[in-house]
Amino acid sequence: MPSGRKPTPTALKLVKGNPGKRPMNAKEARPDLSRPAPPTFLSDDAKVEWGRVIDTLYQVGLMTELDRAVLAAYCQAYGRWAQAERALAKMAERDPVNYALMIKTSNNNPIQNPLVGAANKAAADMVRYASEFGMSPAARARVNAAENGEKDPVDKFFG
């Protein structure tokens, strides 16, 4: 297997630009856009987030059946982040000094609350997955969404 960078998918070259002017792959697979159902294992918070973003992702031409797992990972990370933040907020009600950011071990040593780490990890995962779909201001700056009525923006280049 050749070493070096992985090739950039044609759709991403069209969306982000192709500054190196490398040739585009006319035979690259282009799955049909779809609105897949969320996996049943998603948490309630994750399902709500799925419902909030699925139509927008479809409308801008970024959702196919193949993207279901990545969107599920994003939504589940969102759900874990929301759950950890709610738990921290509830603990903070009883801790007006540290707001539950620090707890004491059984030896009475102060440590960071493990929920803070869980919330931070889930938030980082969520942001990483969200960037795959252009769901942050920085990611959107690199994405040119399909115009209304265009089924697949790649088709205009490969007919």
N, C-alpha and C. Protein backbone atom coordinates (compact mmCIF):
# COMPACT_ATOMS: atom_id res chain seq x y z
N MET A 1 0.84 -1.17 0.00
CA MET A 1 0.00 0.00 0.00
C MET A 1 0.89 1.24 0.00
N PRO A 2 0.59 2.21 -0.87
CA PRO A 2 1.43 3.40 -0.95
C PRO A 2 1.34 4.23 0.33
N SER A 3 2.46 4.85 0.69
CA SER A 3 2.46 5.71 1.87
C SER A 3 2.08 7.13 1.45
N GLY A 4 1.90 7.98 2.44
CA GLY A 4 1.54 9.37 2.16
C GLY A 4 0.11 9.65 2.57
N ARG A 5 -0.36 10.81 2.17
CA ARG A 5 -1.71 11.24 2.52
C ARG A 5 -2.76 10.41 1.82
N LYS A 6 -3.89 10.25 2.51
CA LYS A 6 -5.03 9.59 1.87
C LYS A 6 -5.61 10.57 0.84
N PRO A 7 -6.12 10.05 -0.26
CA PRO A 7 -6.72 10.97 -1.24
C PRO A 7 -7.96 11.64 -0.67
N THR A 8 -8.16 12.88 -1.04
CA THR A 8 -9.34 13.62 -0.61
C THR A 8 -10.51 13.20 -1.48
N PRO A 9 -11.66 12.83 -0.88
CA PRO A 9 -12.82 12.47 -1.68
C PRO A 9 -13.25 13.62 -2.59
N THR A 10 -13.74 13.28 -3.77
CA THR A 10 -14.13 14.29 -4.76
C THR A 10 -15.14 15.26 -4.20
N ALA A 11 -16.13 14.76 -3.48
CA ALA A 11 -17.16 15.66 -2.93
C ALA A 11 -16.53 16.68 -1.99
N LEU A 12 -15.55 16.27 -1.20
CA LEU A 12 -14.88 17.22 -0.32
C LEU A 12 -14.04 18.21 -1.11
N LYS A 13 -13.43 17.78 -2.19
CA LYS A 13 -12.68 18.72 -3.03
C LYS A 13 -13.63 19.78 -3.58
N LEU A 14 -14.82 19.36 -3.99
CA LEU A 14 -15.79 20.31 -4.53
C LEU A 14 -16.30 21.25 -3.46
N VAL A 15 -16.47 20.72 -2.26
CA VAL A 15 -17.01 21.51 -1.16
C VAL A 15 -15.96 22.44 -0.58
N LYS A 16 -14.76 21.91 -0.34
CA LYS A 16 -13.70 22.69 0.31
C LYS A 16 -12.80 23.42 -0.68
N GLY A 17 -12.81 22.98 -1.90
CA GLY A 17 -11.91 23.55 -2.90
C GLY A 17 -10.78 22.59 -3.20
N ASN A 18 -10.12 22.81 -4.29
CA ASN A 18 -9.03 21.94 -4.73
C ASN A 18 -7.82 22.80 -5.07
N PRO A 19 -7.18 23.39 -4.02
CA PRO A 19 -6.09 24.32 -4.30
C PRO A 19 -4.91 23.68 -5.02
N GLY A 20 -4.68 22.38 -4.82
CA GLY A 20 -3.58 21.70 -5.50
C GLY A 20 -3.90 21.34 -6.93
N LYS A 21 -5.14 21.55 -7.35
CA LYS A 21 -5.61 21.28 -8.72
C LYS A 21 -5.33 19.84 -9.15
N ARG A 22 -5.37 18.92 -8.17
CA ARG A 22 -5.19 17.51 -8.51
C ARG A 22 -6.44 17.02 -9.23
N PRO A 23 -6.29 16.05 -10.12
CA PRO A 23 -7.46 15.58 -10.88
C PRO A 23 -8.50 14.95 -9.96
N MET A 24 -9.77 15.13 -10.34
CA MET A 24 -10.86 14.56 -9.56
C MET A 24 -11.21 13.18 -10.11
N ASN A 25 -11.67 12.32 -9.24
CA ASN A 25 -12.01 10.95 -9.59
C ASN A 25 -13.44 10.90 -10.12
N ALA A 26 -13.59 10.76 -11.42
CA ALA A 26 -14.92 10.72 -12.03
C ALA A 26 -15.66 9.42 -11.72
N LYS A 27 -14.96 8.40 -11.28
CA LYS A 27 -15.59 7.10 -11.01
C LYS A 27 -15.83 6.86 -9.52
N GLU A 28 -15.65 7.90 -8.72
CA GLU A 28 -15.86 7.76 -7.28
C GLU A 28 -17.33 7.49 -6.98
N ALA A 29 -17.59 6.64 -5.99
CA ALA A 29 -18.97 6.33 -5.60
C ALA A 29 -19.65 7.58 -5.05
N ARG A 30 -20.92 7.77 -5.45
CA ARG A 30 -21.71 8.91 -4.98
C ARG A 30 -23.07 8.38 -4.52
N PRO A 31 -23.17 8.02 -3.25
CA PRO A 31 -24.44 7.48 -2.76
C PRO A 31 -25.55 8.53 -2.80
N ASP A 32 -26.78 8.05 -2.94
CA ASP A 32 -27.94 8.94 -2.98
C ASP A 32 -28.15 9.59 -1.62
N LEU A 33 -28.63 10.83 -1.66
CA LEU A 33 -28.99 11.50 -0.42
C LEU A 33 -30.16 10.76 0.23
N SER A 34 -30.18 10.75 1.56
CA SER A 34 -31.29 10.12 2.27
C SER A 34 -31.40 10.68 3.66
N ARG A 35 -32.52 10.38 4.30
CA ARG A 35 -32.76 10.74 5.70
C ARG A 35 -32.90 9.44 6.49
N PRO A 36 -31.81 8.79 6.83
CA PRO A 36 -31.92 7.52 7.54
C PRO A 36 -32.53 7.70 8.93
N ALA A 37 -33.15 6.64 9.41
CA ALA A 37 -33.71 6.65 10.77
C ALA A 37 -32.58 6.53 11.78
N PRO A 38 -32.75 7.09 12.95
CA PRO A 38 -31.69 6.97 13.96
C PRO A 38 -31.61 5.55 14.48
N PRO A 39 -30.43 5.10 14.87
CA PRO A 39 -30.30 3.76 15.47
C PRO A 39 -31.10 3.71 16.78
N THR A 40 -31.62 2.56 17.09
CA THR A 40 -32.47 2.41 18.28
C THR A 40 -31.69 2.55 19.57
N PHE A 41 -30.38 2.32 19.55
CA PHE A 41 -29.59 2.36 20.78
C PHE A 41 -29.26 3.77 21.25
N LEU A 42 -29.56 4.79 20.46
CA LEU A 42 -29.22 6.15 20.87
C LEU A 42 -29.97 6.53 22.14
N SER A 43 -29.32 7.33 22.97
CA SER A 43 -29.96 7.85 24.18
C SER A 43 -31.07 8.83 23.78
N ASP A 44 -31.91 9.17 24.73
CA ASP A 44 -33.00 10.11 24.43
C ASP A 44 -32.45 11.46 23.98
N ASP A 45 -31.42 11.96 24.65
CA ASP A 45 -30.81 13.24 24.23
C ASP A 45 -30.26 13.13 22.81
N ALA A 46 -29.65 12.00 22.49
CA ALA A 46 -29.07 11.80 21.16
C ALA A 46 -30.17 11.77 20.09
N LYS A 47 -31.29 11.13 20.40
CA LYS A 47 -32.40 11.08 19.44
C LYS A 47 -32.98 12.47 19.19
N VAL A 48 -33.05 13.28 20.23
CA VAL A 48 -33.54 14.65 20.05
C VAL A 48 -32.59 15.43 19.15
N GLU A 49 -31.29 15.27 19.36
CA GLU A 49 -30.31 15.95 18.52
C GLU A 49 -30.38 15.45 17.08
N TRP A 50 -30.57 14.15 16.89
CA TRP A 50 -30.74 13.60 15.54
C TRP A 50 -31.89 14.30 14.84
N GLY A 51 -33.02 14.40 15.53
CA GLY A 51 -34.19 15.06 14.95
C GLY A 51 -33.95 16.52 14.64
N ARG A 52 -33.11 17.17 15.42
CA ARG A 52 -32.81 18.58 15.22
C ARG A 52 -31.96 18.82 13.97
N VAL A 53 -31.04 17.90 13.63
CA VAL A 53 -30.08 18.17 12.56
C VAL A 53 -30.32 17.41 11.25
N ILE A 54 -31.06 16.30 11.27
CA ILE A 54 -31.14 15.43 10.09
C ILE A 54 -31.69 16.15 8.85
N ASP A 55 -32.75 16.93 9.01
CA ASP A 55 -33.34 17.59 7.83
C ASP A 55 -32.42 18.63 7.25
N THR A 56 -31.73 19.38 8.09
CA THR A 56 -30.79 20.39 7.59
C THR A 56 -29.64 19.73 6.84
N LEU A 57 -29.08 18.66 7.40
CA LEU A 57 -27.99 17.96 6.71
C LEU A 57 -28.45 17.42 5.36
N TYR A 58 -29.67 16.90 5.30
CA TYR A 58 -30.20 16.40 4.03
C TYR A 58 -30.38 17.56 3.04
N GLN A 59 -30.95 18.66 3.51
CA GLN A 59 -31.24 19.79 2.63
C GLN A 59 -29.97 20.39 2.02
N VAL A 60 -28.87 20.35 2.75
CA VAL A 60 -27.63 20.91 2.19
C VAL A 60 -26.81 19.86 1.46
N GLY A 61 -27.36 18.66 1.29
CA GLY A 61 -26.71 17.62 0.49
C GLY A 61 -25.60 16.87 1.20
N LEU A 62 -25.68 16.77 2.53
CA LEU A 62 -24.62 16.13 3.29
C LEU A 62 -25.05 14.86 4.01
N MET A 63 -26.20 14.30 3.68
CA MET A 63 -26.67 13.11 4.42
C MET A 63 -27.03 11.99 3.47
N THR A 64 -26.36 10.86 3.66
CA THR A 64 -26.68 9.65 2.93
C THR A 64 -26.80 8.52 3.94
N GLU A 65 -27.26 7.38 3.48
CA GLU A 65 -27.36 6.20 4.36
C GLU A 65 -25.98 5.83 4.93
N LEU A 66 -24.93 6.04 4.15
CA LEU A 66 -23.59 5.71 4.60
C LEU A 66 -23.12 6.61 5.75
N ASP A 67 -23.72 7.78 5.87
CA ASP A 67 -23.32 8.73 6.91
C ASP A 67 -24.03 8.49 8.23
N ARG A 68 -24.91 7.52 8.27
CA ARG A 68 -25.74 7.26 9.46
C ARG A 68 -24.89 7.00 10.70
N ALA A 69 -23.85 6.20 10.58
CA ALA A 69 -23.03 5.86 11.75
C ALA A 69 -22.28 7.09 12.28
N VAL A 70 -21.76 7.93 11.38
CA VAL A 70 -21.03 9.11 11.82
C VAL A 70 -22.00 10.08 12.51
N LEU A 71 -23.19 10.24 11.96
CA LEU A 71 -24.18 11.11 12.61
C LEU A 71 -24.60 10.51 13.95
N ALA A 72 -24.74 9.20 14.02
CA ALA A 72 -25.09 8.55 15.28
C ALA A 72 -24.00 8.79 16.33
N ALA A 73 -22.75 8.70 15.92
CA ALA A 73 -21.63 8.95 16.84
C ALA A 73 -21.67 10.40 17.33
N TYR A 74 -21.94 11.33 16.43
CA TYR A 74 -22.07 12.73 16.82
C TYR A 74 -23.20 12.90 17.84
N CYS A 75 -24.35 12.34 17.52
CA CYS A 75 -25.52 12.50 18.39
C CYS A 75 -25.31 11.83 19.75
N GLN A 76 -24.67 10.67 19.75
CA GLN A 76 -24.42 9.99 21.03
C GLN A 76 -23.42 10.81 21.86
N ALA A 77 -22.41 11.38 21.23
CA ALA A 77 -21.47 12.24 21.95
C ALA A 77 -22.20 13.45 22.51
N TYR A 78 -23.11 14.01 21.72
CA TYR A 78 -23.93 15.13 22.20
C TYR A 78 -24.73 14.70 23.43
N GLY A 79 -25.35 13.53 23.34
CA GLY A 79 -26.16 13.03 24.46
C GLY A 79 -25.33 12.83 25.72
N ARG A 80 -24.13 12.28 25.58
CA ARG A 80 -23.25 12.09 26.75
C ARG A 80 -22.82 13.41 27.33
N TRP A 81 -22.51 14.37 26.47
CA TRP A 81 -22.12 15.70 26.93
C TRP A 81 -23.27 16.34 27.70
N ALA A 82 -24.48 16.30 27.15
CA ALA A 82 -25.64 16.89 27.82
C ALA A 82 -25.90 16.21 29.17
N GLN A 83 -25.79 14.89 29.20
CA GLN A 83 -26.02 14.15 30.44
C GLN A 83 -24.99 14.52 31.50
N ALA A 84 -23.72 14.57 31.12
CA ALA A 84 -22.66 14.93 32.06
C ALA A 84 -22.84 16.36 32.56
N GLU A 85 -23.20 17.27 31.69
CA GLU A 85 -23.39 18.67 32.09
C GLU A 85 -24.58 18.81 33.03
N ARG A 86 -25.66 18.06 32.79
CA ARG A 86 -26.81 18.10 33.71
C ARG A 86 -26.41 17.57 35.09
N ALA A 87 -25.65 16.47 35.10
CA ALA A 87 -25.21 15.90 36.38
C ALA A 87 -24.30 16.88 37.13
N LEU A 88 -23.40 17.53 36.41
CA LEU A 88 -22.54 18.53 37.03
C LEU A 88 -23.35 19.70 37.59
N ALA A 89 -24.34 20.15 36.84
CA ALA A 89 -25.18 21.25 37.30
C ALA A 89 -25.93 20.88 38.57
N LYS A 90 -26.41 19.66 38.63
CA LYS A 90 -27.13 19.20 39.83
C LYS A 90 -26.19 19.14 41.03
N MET A 91 -24.97 18.63 40.82
CA MET A 91 -23.98 18.58 41.90
C MET A 91 -23.56 19.99 42.31
N ALA A 92 -23.48 20.91 41.35
CA ALA A 92 -23.05 22.28 41.64
C ALA A 92 -24.04 23.01 42.53
N GLU A 93 -25.30 22.61 42.48
CA GLU A 93 -26.30 23.23 43.36
C GLU A 93 -25.94 23.04 44.83
N ARG A 94 -25.27 21.94 45.15
CA ARG A 94 -24.89 21.63 46.54
C ARG A 94 -23.46 22.08 46.85
N ASP A 95 -22.78 22.68 45.88
CA ASP A 95 -21.38 23.06 46.06
C ASP A 95 -21.14 24.46 45.51
N PRO A 96 -21.56 25.51 46.24
CA PRO A 96 -21.44 26.87 45.73
C PRO A 96 -20.00 27.38 45.65
N VAL A 97 -19.05 26.67 46.26
CA VAL A 97 -17.65 27.11 46.23
C VAL A 97 -16.95 26.61 44.97
N ASN A 98 -17.00 25.31 44.73
CA ASN A 98 -16.29 24.71 43.59
C ASN A 98 -17.20 24.37 42.42
N TYR A 99 -18.49 24.51 42.59
CA TYR A 99 -19.46 24.18 41.54
C TYR A 99 -19.27 22.77 41.00
N ALA A 100 -18.86 21.86 41.88
CA ALA A 100 -18.69 20.42 41.58
C ALA A 100 -17.56 20.15 40.59
N LEU A 101 -16.73 21.14 40.34
CA LEU A 101 -15.60 20.90 39.44
C LEU A 101 -14.52 20.07 40.13
N MET A 102 -14.45 20.17 41.45
CA MET A 102 -13.50 19.40 42.25
C MET A 102 -14.29 18.56 43.25
N ILE A 103 -13.80 17.37 43.52
CA ILE A 103 -14.37 16.53 44.56
C ILE A 103 -13.23 16.02 45.44
N LYS A 104 -13.58 15.40 46.55
CA LYS A 104 -12.56 14.85 47.43
C LYS A 104 -12.59 13.33 47.36
N THR A 105 -11.40 12.74 47.35
CA THR A 105 -11.28 11.28 47.34
C THR A 105 -11.58 10.75 48.74
N SER A 106 -11.57 9.43 48.88
CA SER A 106 -11.80 8.82 50.19
C SER A 106 -10.70 9.19 51.18
N ASN A 107 -9.53 9.60 50.66
CA ASN A 107 -8.43 10.05 51.51
C ASN A 107 -8.47 11.56 51.73
N ASN A 108 -9.56 12.18 51.32
CA ASN A 108 -9.78 13.62 51.49
C ASN A 108 -8.85 14.48 50.61
N ASN A 109 -8.35 13.91 49.51
CA ASN A 109 -7.53 14.66 48.56
C ASN A 109 -8.44 15.26 47.47
N PRO A 110 -8.25 16.53 47.15
CA PRO A 110 -9.07 17.12 46.08
C PRO A 110 -8.60 16.65 44.70
N ILE A 111 -9.56 16.30 43.85
CA ILE A 111 -9.28 15.92 42.46
C ILE A 111 -10.36 16.52 41.58
N GLN A 112 -10.07 16.58 40.30
CA GLN A 112 -11.10 17.02 39.36
C GLN A 112 -12.23 16.01 39.34
N ASN A 113 -13.45 16.49 39.33
CA ASN A 113 -14.61 15.63 39.25
C ASN A 113 -14.53 14.83 37.95
N PRO A 114 -14.65 13.50 38.00
CA PRO A 114 -14.61 12.70 36.77
C PRO A 114 -15.66 13.11 35.75
N LEU A 115 -16.77 13.69 36.20
CA LEU A 115 -17.79 14.15 35.26
C LEU A 115 -17.27 15.29 34.38
N VAL A 116 -16.34 16.08 34.91
CA VAL A 116 -15.75 17.15 34.10
C VAL A 116 -14.98 16.54 32.94
N GLY A 117 -14.19 15.51 33.22
CA GLY A 117 -13.45 14.83 32.16
C GLY A 117 -14.38 14.17 31.16
N ALA A 118 -15.46 13.55 31.66
CA ALA A 118 -16.42 12.91 30.76
C ALA A 118 -17.09 13.95 29.87
N ALA A 119 -17.48 15.08 30.46
CA ALA A 119 -18.11 16.14 29.67
C ALA A 119 -17.15 16.70 28.63
N ASN A 120 -15.90 16.92 29.03
CA ASN A 120 -14.91 17.45 28.08
C ASN A 120 -14.64 16.48 26.95
N LYS A 121 -14.51 15.19 27.25
CA LYS A 121 -14.26 14.17 26.22
C LYS A 121 -15.44 14.09 25.26
N ALA A 122 -16.65 14.06 25.80
CA ALA A 122 -17.84 13.99 24.95
C ALA A 122 -17.94 15.24 24.07
N ALA A 123 -17.64 16.41 24.63
CA ALA A 123 -17.70 17.65 23.85
C ALA A 123 -16.66 17.63 22.74
N ALA A 124 -15.46 17.15 23.04
CA ALA A 124 -14.42 17.08 22.01
C ALA A 124 -14.82 16.11 20.90
N ASP A 125 -15.37 14.96 21.28
CA ASP A 125 -15.84 14.00 20.28
C ASP A 125 -16.94 14.62 19.43
N MET A 126 -17.88 15.30 20.10
CA MET A 126 -19.00 15.91 19.41
C MET A 126 -18.52 16.92 18.38
N VAL A 127 -17.58 17.76 18.76
CA VAL A 127 -17.05 18.78 17.84
C VAL A 127 -16.33 18.13 16.66
N ARG A 128 -15.58 17.06 16.94
CA ARG A 128 -14.85 16.36 15.87
C ARG A 128 -15.83 15.76 14.86
N TYR A 129 -16.87 15.09 15.35
CA TYR A 129 -17.86 14.51 14.43
C TYR A 129 -18.65 15.61 13.72
N ALA A 130 -18.97 16.67 14.44
CA ALA A 130 -19.75 17.76 13.84
C ALA A 130 -19.01 18.38 12.67
N SER A 131 -17.68 18.46 12.75
CA SER A 131 -16.92 19.08 11.66
C SER A 131 -17.02 18.26 10.38
N GLU A 132 -17.27 16.96 10.49
CA GLU A 132 -17.46 16.12 9.30
C GLU A 132 -18.66 16.59 8.48
N PHE A 133 -19.64 17.19 9.15
CA PHE A 133 -20.86 17.64 8.49
C PHE A 133 -20.92 19.17 8.33
N GLY A 134 -19.82 19.86 8.63
CA GLY A 134 -19.83 21.32 8.51
C GLY A 134 -20.69 21.98 9.56
N MET A 135 -20.77 21.39 10.76
CA MET A 135 -21.68 21.88 11.80
C MET A 135 -21.01 22.82 12.81
N SER A 136 -19.99 23.54 12.40
CA SER A 136 -19.39 24.58 13.24
C SER A 136 -19.05 25.74 12.32
N PRO A 137 -18.91 26.93 12.87
CA PRO A 137 -18.59 28.07 11.99
C PRO A 137 -17.31 27.84 11.18
N ALA A 138 -16.27 27.29 11.80
CA ALA A 138 -15.03 27.06 11.07
C ALA A 138 -15.21 26.01 9.98
N ALA A 139 -15.94 24.94 10.30
CA ALA A 139 -16.17 23.89 9.31
C ALA A 139 -17.03 24.42 8.16
N ARG A 140 -18.04 25.25 8.48
CA ARG A 140 -18.90 25.81 7.43
C ARG A 140 -18.12 26.73 6.50
N ALA A 141 -17.10 27.38 7.03
CA ALA A 141 -16.30 28.26 6.19
C ALA A 141 -15.58 27.48 5.10
N ARG A 142 -15.41 26.17 5.31
CA ARG A 142 -14.74 25.32 4.32
C ARG A 142 -15.73 24.56 3.44
N VAL A 143 -17.04 24.77 3.64
CA VAL A 143 -18.05 24.00 2.93
C VAL A 143 -18.89 24.92 2.06
N ASN A 144 -19.10 24.52 0.81
CA ASN A 144 -20.05 25.19 -0.07
C ASN A 144 -21.24 24.26 -0.22
N ALA A 145 -22.36 24.59 0.41
CA ALA A 145 -23.53 23.71 0.39
C ALA A 145 -24.17 23.71 -0.99
N ALA A 146 -24.92 22.64 -1.26
CA ALA A 146 -25.63 22.53 -2.53
C ALA A 146 -26.70 23.61 -2.61
N GLU A 147 -26.92 24.10 -3.82
CA GLU A 147 -28.00 25.06 -4.02
C GLU A 147 -29.33 24.34 -3.96
N ASN A 148 -30.40 25.07 -3.62
CA ASN A 148 -31.74 24.47 -3.56
C ASN A 148 -32.07 23.80 -4.88
N GLY A 149 -32.59 22.59 -4.80
CA GLY A 149 -32.98 21.86 -5.98
C GLY A 149 -31.90 20.97 -6.54
N GLU A 150 -30.65 21.15 -6.14
CA GLU A 150 -29.57 20.28 -6.62
C GLU A 150 -29.59 19.00 -5.82
N LYS A 151 -29.69 17.87 -6.51
CA LYS A 151 -29.70 16.60 -5.80
C LYS A 151 -28.30 16.23 -5.34
N ASP A 152 -27.33 16.36 -6.18
CA ASP A 152 -25.96 16.01 -5.83
C ASP A 152 -25.03 17.01 -6.51
N PRO A 153 -24.31 17.85 -5.75
CA PRO A 153 -23.47 18.87 -6.37
C PRO A 153 -22.35 18.29 -7.22
N VAL A 154 -21.99 17.04 -7.02
CA VAL A 154 -20.94 16.41 -7.80
C VAL A 154 -21.40 16.17 -9.23
N ASP A 155 -22.71 15.94 -9.43
CA ASP A 155 -23.25 15.63 -10.75
C ASP A 155 -22.96 16.71 -11.79
N LYS A 156 -22.91 17.98 -11.37
CA LYS A 156 -22.69 19.02 -12.36
C LYS A 156 -21.28 18.97 -12.96
N PHE A 157 -20.36 18.27 -12.29
CA PHE A 157 -19.01 18.13 -12.81
C PHE A 157 -18.83 16.86 -13.64
N PHE A 158 -19.65 15.84 -13.36
CA PHE A 158 -19.48 14.56 -14.05
C PHE A 158 -20.71 14.13 -14.83
N GLY A 159 -21.70 15.03 -14.90
CA GLY A 159 -22.88 14.82 -15.69
C GLY A 159 -23.54 13.55 -15.45
